[in-house]
Amino acid sequence: GNSTDIFICRYDDHFLVMATQIGTMGTILHARKEEGVSTEPTFSVSVILGKRDEPILLATARQLIEHISSSGSSMPLVLSLGLKDHSAETLRGIVSAVTENRLW
């Protein structure tokens, strides 16, 4: 029910995804693939600025970095979520829109 603006940008060393319903950046997260000795990759997601008590925001960043990684890119992701509605449906819609319009 809320209009959501999505901005996707590729830089030399990372991807930037901004999704906003409030016209500002909101919570900023950093997600990256961890290379280790195990055969399965691990992913690290941390909140840089904003709401630290919203596990669904962390899950959204993790889904996006997993998708980026599975597409063959190892660049990290900076994700900005300025949302009025933090429902699972809204965040699934954002992940879907970003993956459909991917730059990786």
Protein backbone atom coordinates (compact mmCIF):
# COMPACT_ATOMS: atom_id res chain seq x y z
CA GLY A 1 0.00 0.00 0.00
CA ASN A 2 3.03 2.32 0.28
CA SER A 3 4.85 3.71 -2.73
CA THR A 4 8.44 2.42 -2.69
CA ASP A 5 11.34 3.94 -4.61
CA ILE A 6 14.23 1.59 -5.38
CA PHE A 7 17.70 2.66 -6.52
CA ILE A 8 20.38 0.14 -7.58
CA CYS A 9 23.94 1.19 -8.34
CA ARG A 10 27.14 -0.72 -9.06
CA TYR A 11 30.45 0.75 -7.98
CA ASP A 12 33.96 -0.64 -8.54
CA ASP A 13 34.05 -2.30 -5.12
CA HIS A 14 30.42 -2.77 -3.99
CA PHE A 15 26.74 -2.63 -4.88
CA LEU A 16 24.39 -0.03 -3.40
CA VAL A 17 20.68 -0.73 -3.09
CA MET A 18 18.36 1.89 -1.63
CA ALA A 19 14.66 1.27 -1.03
CA THR A 20 12.61 4.02 0.56
CA GLN A 21 9.00 4.76 1.39
CA ILE A 22 9.86 7.78 3.53
CA GLY A 23 12.21 9.72 1.23
CA THR A 24 15.30 9.12 3.38
CA MET A 25 17.90 6.39 3.67
CA GLY A 26 16.68 4.75 6.88
CA THR A 27 18.60 1.73 8.20
CA ILE A 28 21.91 1.07 6.43
CA LEU A 29 23.26 -2.49 6.33
CA HIS A 30 26.48 -4.00 5.00
CA ALA A 31 26.51 -7.58 3.68
CA ARG A 32 29.38 -9.59 2.27
CA LYS A 33 30.40 -13.11 1.37
CA GLU A 34 33.04 -14.59 3.64
CA GLU A 35 35.62 -16.77 1.92
CA GLY A 36 36.86 -19.55 4.15
CA VAL A 37 38.33 -23.00 4.14
CA SER A 38 34.94 -24.69 4.08
CA THR A 39 33.29 -25.54 0.79
CA GLU A 40 30.10 -23.70 1.67
CA PRO A 41 30.25 -19.89 1.65
CA THR A 42 29.20 -17.94 4.71
CA PHE A 43 27.68 -14.49 4.71
CA SER A 44 28.12 -11.60 7.11
CA VAL A 45 25.45 -8.94 7.61
CA SER A 46 25.82 -5.98 9.96
CA VAL A 47 23.89 -2.81 10.68
CA ILE A 48 25.98 0.28 10.01
CA LEU A 49 23.38 2.85 11.04
CA GLY A 50 19.79 2.59 12.21
CA LYS A 51 17.52 -0.06 13.69
CA ARG A 52 19.51 -2.93 15.15
CA ASP A 53 16.51 -4.80 16.56
CA GLU A 54 14.85 -5.67 13.23
CA PRO A 55 15.90 -9.22 12.27
CA ILE A 56 13.80 -9.08 9.09
CA LEU A 57 16.05 -6.30 7.74
CA LEU A 58 19.07 -8.52 8.32
CA ALA A 59 17.30 -11.39 6.56
CA THR A 60 16.58 -9.15 3.57
CA ALA A 61 20.24 -8.14 3.27
CA ARG A 62 21.27 -11.79 3.56
CA GLN A 63 18.87 -12.86 0.80
CA LEU A 64 20.24 -10.17 -1.51
CA ILE A 65 23.92 -10.96 -0.85
CA GLU A 66 23.22 -14.68 -1.36
CA HIS A 67 21.59 -13.90 -4.69
CA ILE A 68 24.50 -11.66 -5.73
CA SER A 69 26.97 -14.39 -4.73
CA SER A 70 25.08 -17.15 -6.54
CA SER A 71 25.19 -15.01 -9.69
CA GLY A 72 28.98 -15.11 -9.61
CA SER A 73 29.89 -11.78 -8.01
CA SER A 74 31.92 -11.51 -4.81
CA MET A 75 31.36 -7.77 -4.25
CA PRO A 76 29.78 -6.66 -0.98
CA LEU A 77 26.40 -4.96 -0.69
CA VAL A 78 25.41 -1.74 1.05
CA LEU A 79 21.64 -1.78 1.59
CA SER A 80 19.58 1.18 2.71
CA LEU A 81 16.00 0.54 3.83
CA GLY A 82 13.84 3.57 4.70
CA LEU A 83 10.51 1.86 5.15
CA LYS A 84 7.20 2.63 6.84
CA ASP A 85 6.13 -1.00 6.45
CA HIS A 86 8.56 -3.69 7.64
CA SER A 87 6.28 -6.60 6.77
CA ALA A 88 7.64 -9.76 5.19
CA GLU A 89 5.50 -9.10 2.11
CA THR A 90 7.06 -5.66 1.56
CA LEU A 91 10.59 -6.97 1.99
CA ARG A 92 9.93 -9.92 -0.36
CA GLY A 93 8.71 -7.40 -2.93
CA ILE A 94 11.92 -5.39 -2.56
CA VAL A 95 14.10 -8.51 -2.95
CA SER A 96 12.09 -9.52 -6.01
CA ALA A 97 12.35 -6.07 -7.62
CA VAL A 98 16.10 -5.86 -7.00
CA THR A 99 16.81 -9.35 -8.34
CA GLU A 100 14.72 -8.69 -11.46
CA ASN A 101 16.68 -5.49 -12.17
CA ARG A 102 20.09 -6.78 -11.13
CA LEU A 103 23.35 -5.14 -12.12
CA TRP A 104 25.62 -8.07 -11.23
